[in-house]
Amino acid sequence: YGHFAYGGLDITIDGQLIPGETKRTKGVNANAAMRVDPHLKNTCLVDTVGGSAVFYDTKVRLEKVNT
């Protein structure tokens, strides 16, 4: 669970195991690929009018990782 797992991983809450759904772990987490704000350093760029993350103005280059 948590912010990055979104229900894909098991978590224990108050001693009770809540099983994750493995299908939720597929795909891409765009948050991890977003540009970091050059001033705040620990958050993505923010739309100052709407107050939300700037998803559409972030340009990134994805590189395939060979494992």
PDB file of N, CA and C in Angstrom:
ATOM      1  N   TYR A   1       0.840  -1.166   0.000  1.00  0.00           N
ATOM      2  CA  TYR A   1       0.000   0.000   0.000  1.00  0.00           C
ATOM      3  C   TYR A   1       0.889   1.234   0.000  1.00  0.00           C
ATOM      4  N   GLY A   2       0.593   2.233   0.696  1.00  0.00           N
ATOM      5  CA  GLY A   2       1.436   3.418   0.701  1.00  0.00           C
ATOM      6  C   GLY A   2       1.271   4.234  -0.557  1.00  0.00           C
ATOM      7  N   HIS A   3       2.021   5.316  -0.629  1.00  0.00           N
ATOM      8  CA  HIS A   3       1.864   6.247  -1.748  1.00  0.00           C
ATOM      9  C   HIS A   3       2.316   5.649  -3.079  1.00  0.00           C
ATOM     10  N   PHE A   4       3.361   4.814  -3.055  1.00  0.00           N
ATOM     11  CA  PHE A   4       3.861   4.269  -4.308  1.00  0.00           C
ATOM     12  C   PHE A   4       3.315   2.881  -4.606  1.00  0.00           C
ATOM     13  N   ALA A   5       2.843   2.151  -3.642  1.00  0.00           N
ATOM     14  CA  ALA A   5       2.370   0.791  -3.883  1.00  0.00           C
ATOM     15  C   ALA A   5       0.921   0.760  -4.363  1.00  0.00           C
ATOM     16  N   TYR A   6       0.107   1.702  -3.927  1.00  0.00           N
ATOM     17  CA  TYR A   6      -1.292   1.804  -4.359  1.00  0.00           C
ATOM     18  C   TYR A   6      -2.039   0.486  -4.265  1.00  0.00           C
ATOM     19  N   GLY A   7      -1.852  -0.233  -3.160  1.00  0.00           N
ATOM     20  CA  GLY A   7      -2.590  -1.476  -2.949  1.00  0.00           C
ATOM     21  C   GLY A   7      -1.961  -2.684  -3.603  1.00  0.00           C
ATOM     22  N   GLY A   8      -0.780  -2.548  -4.178  1.00  0.00           N
ATOM     23  CA  GLY A   8      -0.135  -3.664  -4.854  1.00  0.00           C
ATOM     24  C   GLY A   8       0.668  -4.565  -3.932  1.00  0.00           C
ATOM     25  N   LEU A   9       1.038  -4.076  -2.768  1.00  0.00           N
ATOM     26  CA  LEU A   9       1.853  -4.847  -1.828  1.00  0.00           C
ATOM     27  C   LEU A   9       1.080  -5.123  -0.545  1.00  0.00           C
ATOM     28  N   ASP A  10       1.454  -6.223   0.116  1.00  0.00           N
ATOM     29  CA  ASP A  10       0.843  -6.539   1.408  1.00  0.00           C
ATOM     30  C   ASP A  10       1.222  -5.476   2.429  1.00  0.00           C
ATOM     31  N   ILE A  11       0.324  -5.255   3.385  1.00  0.00           N
ATOM     32  CA  ILE A  11       0.606  -4.336   4.486  1.00  0.00           C
ATOM     33  C   ILE A  11      -0.110  -4.848   5.726  1.00  0.00           C
ATOM     34  N   THR A  12       0.506  -4.621   6.875  1.00  0.00           N
ATOM     35  CA  THR A  12      -0.113  -5.002   8.142  1.00  0.00           C
ATOM     36  C   THR A  12      -0.589  -3.742   8.845  1.00  0.00           C
ATOM     37  N   ILE A  13      -1.883  -3.707   9.155  1.00  0.00           N
ATOM     38  CA  ILE A  13      -2.489  -2.573   9.851  1.00  0.00           C
ATOM     39  C   ILE A  13      -3.136  -3.098  11.123  1.00  0.00           C
ATOM     40  N   ASP A  14      -2.716  -2.568  12.266  1.00  0.00           N
ATOM     41  CA  ASP A  14      -3.239  -3.003  13.565  1.00  0.00           C
ATOM     42  C   ASP A  14      -3.179  -4.518  13.715  1.00  0.00           C
ATOM     43  N   GLY A  15      -2.079  -5.117  13.242  1.00  0.00           N
ATOM     44  CA  GLY A  15      -1.885  -6.552  13.378  1.00  0.00           C
ATOM     45  C   GLY A  15      -2.614  -7.397  12.354  1.00  0.00           C
ATOM     46  N   GLN A  16      -3.385  -6.798  11.471  1.00  0.00           N
ATOM     47  CA  GLN A  16      -4.129  -7.549  10.464  1.00  0.00           C
ATOM     48  C   GLN A  16      -3.457  -7.383   9.106  1.00  0.00           C
ATOM     49  N   LEU A  17      -3.140  -8.518   8.457  1.00  0.00           N
ATOM     50  CA  LEU A  17      -2.516  -8.488   7.142  1.00  0.00           C
ATOM     51  C   LEU A  17      -3.553  -8.156   6.071  1.00  0.00           C
ATOM     52  N   ILE A  18      -3.290  -7.117   5.324  1.00  0.00           N
ATOM     53  CA  ILE A  18      -4.138  -6.741   4.194  1.00  0.00           C
ATOM     54  C   ILE A  18      -3.366  -7.132   2.936  1.00  0.00           C
ATOM     55  N   PRO A  19      -3.836  -8.150   2.206  1.00  0.00           N
ATOM     56  CA  PRO A  19      -3.080  -8.593   1.035  1.00  0.00           C
ATOM     57  C   PRO A  19      -3.169  -7.588  -0.114  1.00  0.00           C
ATOM     58  N   GLY A  20      -2.053  -7.424  -0.802  1.00  0.00           N
ATOM     59  CA  GLY A  20      -2.032  -6.549  -1.966  1.00  0.00           C
ATOM     60  C   GLY A  20      -2.523  -7.281  -3.207  1.00  0.00           C
ATOM     61  N   GLU A  21      -2.827  -6.537  -4.232  1.00  0.00           N
ATOM     62  CA  GLU A  21      -3.238  -7.105  -5.512  1.00  0.00           C
ATOM     63  C   GLU A  21      -2.074  -6.934  -6.483  1.00  0.00           C
ATOM     64  N   THR A  22      -1.477  -8.058  -6.905  1.00  0.00           N
ATOM     65  CA  THR A  22      -0.278  -7.982  -7.741  1.00  0.00           C
ATOM     66  C   THR A  22      -0.528  -7.274  -9.068  1.00  0.00           C
ATOM     67  N   LYS A  23      -1.755  -7.304  -9.573  1.00  0.00           N
ATOM     68  CA  LYS A  23      -2.023  -6.619 -10.845  1.00  0.00           C
ATOM     69  C   LYS A  23      -1.831  -5.105 -10.719  1.00  0.00           C
ATOM     70  N   ARG A  24      -1.880  -4.587  -9.491  1.00  0.00           N
ATOM     71  CA  ARG A  24      -1.669  -3.150  -9.282  1.00  0.00           C
ATOM     72  C   ARG A  24      -0.197  -2.756  -9.376  1.00  0.00           C
ATOM     73  N   THR A  25       0.708  -3.732  -9.368  1.00  0.00           N
ATOM     74  CA  THR A  25       2.135  -3.416  -9.436  1.00  0.00           C
ATOM     75  C   THR A  25       2.631  -3.327 -10.875  1.00  0.00           C
ATOM     76  N   LYS A  26       1.781  -3.519 -11.837  1.00  0.00           N
ATOM     77  CA  LYS A  26       2.170  -3.450 -13.249  1.00  0.00           C
ATOM     78  C   LYS A  26       2.082  -2.012 -13.739  1.00  0.00           C
ATOM     79  N   GLY A  27       2.829  -1.699 -14.779  1.00  0.00           N
ATOM     80  CA  GLY A  27       2.747  -0.363 -15.365  1.00  0.00           C
ATOM     81  C   GLY A  27       3.858   0.551 -14.879  1.00  0.00           C
ATOM     82  N   VAL A  28       3.672   1.835 -15.082  1.00  0.00           N
ATOM     83  CA  VAL A  28       4.692   2.831 -14.779  1.00  0.00           C
ATOM     84  C   VAL A  28       4.175   3.786 -13.713  1.00  0.00           C
ATOM     85  N   ASN A  29       5.003   4.083 -12.748  1.00  0.00           N
ATOM     86  CA  ASN A  29       4.681   5.093 -11.751  1.00  0.00           C
ATOM     87  C   ASN A  29       5.249   6.414 -12.251  1.00  0.00           C
ATOM     88  N   ALA A  30       4.410   7.259 -12.791  1.00  0.00           N
ATOM     89  CA  ALA A  30       4.874   8.520 -13.378  1.00  0.00           C
ATOM     90  C   ALA A  30       5.477   9.458 -12.343  1.00  0.00           C
ATOM     91  N   ASN A  31       5.073   9.344 -11.093  1.00  0.00           N
ATOM     92  CA  ASN A  31       5.623  10.224 -10.057  1.00  0.00           C
ATOM     93  C   ASN A  31       7.136  10.099  -9.962  1.00  0.00           C
ATOM     94  N   ALA A  32       7.647   8.885 -10.134  1.00  0.00           N
ATOM     95  CA  ALA A  32       9.086   8.669 -10.015  1.00  0.00           C
ATOM     96  C   ALA A  32       9.859   9.243 -11.200  1.00  0.00           C
ATOM     97  N   ALA A  33       9.178   9.546 -12.299  1.00  0.00           N
ATOM     98  CA  ALA A  33       9.848  10.065 -13.495  1.00  0.00           C
ATOM     99  C   ALA A  33       9.662  11.564 -13.676  1.00  0.00           C
ATOM    100  N   MET A  34       8.958  12.207 -12.773  1.00  0.00           N
ATOM    101  CA  MET A  34       8.677  13.633 -12.942  1.00  0.00           C
ATOM    102  C   MET A  34       9.867  14.494 -12.556  1.00  0.00           C
ATOM    103  N   ARG A  35       9.950  15.647 -13.167  1.00  0.00           N
ATOM    104  CA  ARG A  35      11.025  16.596 -12.890  1.00  0.00           C
ATOM    105  C   ARG A  35      10.884  17.139 -11.463  1.00  0.00           C
ATOM    106  N   VAL A  36      12.002  17.249 -10.782  1.00  0.00           N
ATOM    107  CA  VAL A  36      12.013  17.770  -9.412  1.00  0.00           C
ATOM    108  C   VAL A  36      12.075  19.293  -9.457  1.00  0.00           C
ATOM    109  N   ASP A  37      11.319  19.930  -8.579  1.00  0.00           N
ATOM    110  CA  ASP A  37      11.336  21.390  -8.489  1.00  0.00           C
ATOM    111  C   ASP A  37      12.752  21.854  -8.131  1.00  0.00           C
ATOM    112  N   PRO A  38      13.344  22.757  -8.923  1.00  0.00           N
ATOM    113  CA  PRO A  38      14.730  23.163  -8.675  1.00  0.00           C
ATOM    114  C   PRO A  38      14.924  23.937  -7.366  1.00  0.00           C
ATOM    115  N   HIS A  39      13.865  24.466  -6.794  1.00  0.00           N
ATOM    116  CA  HIS A  39      13.991  25.235  -5.553  1.00  0.00           C
ATOM    117  C   HIS A  39      13.652  24.405  -4.314  1.00  0.00           C
ATOM    118  N   LEU A  40      12.583  23.617  -4.397  1.00  0.00           N
ATOM    119  CA  LEU A  40      12.158  22.825  -3.239  1.00  0.00           C
ATOM    120  C   LEU A  40      12.957  21.535  -3.080  1.00  0.00           C
ATOM    121  N   LYS A  41      13.425  20.981  -4.187  1.00  0.00           N
ATOM    122  CA  LYS A  41      14.291  19.792  -4.224  1.00  0.00           C
ATOM    123  C   LYS A  41      13.635  18.474  -3.830  1.00  0.00           C
ATOM    124  N   ASN A  42      12.490  18.467  -3.207  1.00  0.00           N
ATOM    125  CA  ASN A  42      11.911  17.200  -2.759  1.00  0.00           C
ATOM    126  C   ASN A  42      10.489  16.987  -3.264  1.00  0.00           C
ATOM    127  N   THR A  43      10.115  17.693  -4.305  1.00  0.00           N
ATOM    128  CA  THR A  43       8.766  17.561  -4.852  1.00  0.00           C
ATOM    129  C   THR A  43       8.800  17.849  -6.349  1.00  0.00           C
ATOM    130  N   CYS A  44       7.770  17.425  -7.041  1.00  0.00           N
ATOM    131  CA  CYS A  44       7.712  17.703  -8.478  1.00  0.00           C
ATOM    132  C   CYS A  44       7.305  19.162  -8.707  1.00  0.00           C
ATOM    133  N   LEU A  45       7.370  19.587  -9.956  1.00  0.00           N
ATOM    134  CA  LEU A  45       6.904  20.926 -10.294  1.00  0.00           C
ATOM    135  C   LEU A  45       5.423  21.047  -9.964  1.00  0.00           C
ATOM    136  N   VAL A  46       4.996  22.220  -9.555  1.00  0.00           N
ATOM    137  CA  VAL A  46       3.611  22.432  -9.133  1.00  0.00           C
ATOM    138  C   VAL A  46       2.986  23.559  -9.945  1.00  0.00           C
ATOM    139  N   ASP A  47       1.738  23.348 -10.361  1.00  0.00           N
ATOM    140  CA  ASP A  47       0.957  24.388 -11.021  1.00  0.00           C
ATOM    141  C   ASP A  47       0.515  25.369  -9.939  1.00  0.00           C
ATOM    142  N   THR A  48       1.038  26.579  -9.971  1.00  0.00           N
ATOM    143  CA  THR A  48       0.744  27.537  -8.902  1.00  0.00           C
ATOM    144  C   THR A  48      -0.693  28.047  -8.935  1.00  0.00           C
ATOM    145  N   VAL A  49      -1.371  27.906 -10.069  1.00  0.00           N
ATOM    146  CA  VAL A  49      -2.767  28.336 -10.150  1.00  0.00           C
ATOM    147  C   VAL A  49      -3.686  27.267  -9.559  1.00  0.00           C
ATOM    148  N   GLY A  50      -3.525  26.033 -10.013  1.00  0.00           N
ATOM    149  CA  GLY A  50      -4.392  24.953  -9.549  1.00  0.00           C
ATOM    150  C   GLY A  50      -3.869  24.223  -8.328  1.00  0.00           C
ATOM    151  N   GLY A  51      -2.571  24.352  -8.060  1.00  0.00           N
ATOM    152  CA  GLY A  51      -1.986  23.699  -6.895  1.00  0.00           C
ATOM    153  C   GLY A  51      -1.718  22.217  -7.063  1.00  0.00           C
ATOM    154  N   SER A  52      -1.796  21.715  -8.291  1.00  0.00           N
ATOM    155  CA  SER A  52      -1.570  20.289  -8.501  1.00  0.00           C
ATOM    156  C   SER A  52      -0.222  20.052  -9.173  1.00  0.00           C
ATOM    157  N   ALA A  53       0.152  18.794  -9.254  1.00  0.00           N
ATOM    158  CA  ALA A  53       1.403  18.431  -9.918  1.00  0.00           C
ATOM    159  C   ALA A  53       1.328  18.780 -11.402  1.00  0.00           C
ATOM    160  N   VAL A  54       2.459  19.192 -11.947  1.00  0.00           N
ATOM    161  CA  VAL A  54       2.525  19.560 -13.362  1.00  0.00           C
ATOM    162  C   VAL A  54       2.874  18.301 -14.160  1.00  0.00           C
ATOM    163  N   PHE A  55       1.847  17.545 -14.518  1.00  0.00           N
ATOM    164  CA  PHE A  55       2.063  16.309 -15.263  1.00  0.00           C
ATOM    165  C   PHE A  55       2.381  16.569 -16.730  1.00  0.00           C
ATOM    166  N   TYR A  56       1.767  17.566 -17.324  1.00  0.00           N
ATOM    167  CA  TYR A  56       1.851  17.743 -18.769  1.00  0.00           C
ATOM    168  C   TYR A  56       2.995  18.634 -19.215  1.00  0.00           C
ATOM    169  N   ASP A  57       3.678  19.298 -18.323  1.00  0.00           N
ATOM    170  CA  ASP A  57       4.800  20.151 -18.689  1.00  0.00           C
ATOM    171  C   ASP A  57       6.139  19.556 -18.284  1.00  0.00           C
ATOM    172  N   THR A  58       6.118  18.354 -17.764  1.00  0.00           N
ATOM    173  CA  THR A  58       7.354  17.696 -17.366  1.00  0.00           C
ATOM    174  C   THR A  58       7.863  16.863 -18.524  1.00  0.00           C
ATOM    175  N   LYS A  59       9.082  17.144 -18.958  1.00  0.00           N
ATOM    176  CA  LYS A  59       9.685  16.379 -20.046  1.00  0.00           C
ATOM    177  C   LYS A  59      10.791  15.511 -19.447  1.00  0.00           C
ATOM    178  N   VAL A  60      10.725  14.220 -19.734  1.00  0.00           N
ATOM    179  CA  VAL A  60      11.723  13.286 -19.226  1.00  0.00           C
ATOM    180  C   VAL A  60      12.185  12.381 -20.360  1.00  0.00           C
ATOM    181  N   ARG A  61      13.331  11.768 -20.175  1.00  0.00           N
ATOM    182  CA  ARG A  61      13.818  10.776 -21.126  1.00  0.00           C
ATOM    183  C   ARG A  61      13.876   9.447 -20.384  1.00  0.00           C
ATOM    184  N   LEU A  62      13.217   8.437 -20.925  1.00  0.00           N
ATOM    185  CA  LEU A  62      13.235   7.112 -20.323  1.00  0.00           C
ATOM    186  C   LEU A  62      14.315   6.285 -20.997  1.00  0.00           C
ATOM    187  N   GLU A  63      15.077   5.589 -20.203  1.00  0.00           N
ATOM    188  CA  GLU A  63      16.117   4.717 -20.725  1.00  0.00           C
ATOM    189  C   GLU A  63      15.865   3.307 -20.229  1.00  0.00           C
ATOM    190  N   LYS A  64      15.954   2.354 -21.149  1.00  0.00           N
ATOM    191  CA  LYS A  64      15.738   0.961 -20.793  1.00  0.00           C
ATOM    192  C   LYS A  64      16.894   0.476 -19.923  1.00  0.00           C
ATOM    193  N   VAL A  65      16.558  -0.237 -18.867  1.00  0.00           N
ATOM    194  CA  VAL A  65      17.561  -0.790 -17.966  1.00  0.00           C
ATOM    195  C   VAL A  65      17.656  -2.281 -18.227  1.00  0.00           C
ATOM    196  N   ASN A  66      18.836  -2.753 -18.510  1.00  0.00           N
ATOM    197  CA  ASN A  66      19.048  -4.187 -18.715  1.00  0.00           C
ATOM    198  C   ASN A  66      19.380  -4.829 -17.381  1.00  0.00           C
ATOM    199  N   THR A  67      18.567  -5.823 -17.012  1.00  0.00           N
ATOM    200  CA  THR A  67      18.823  -6.497 -15.735  1.00  0.00           C
ATOM    201  C   THR A  67      19.181  -7.936 -15.952  1.00  0.00           C
TER     202      THR A  67
END
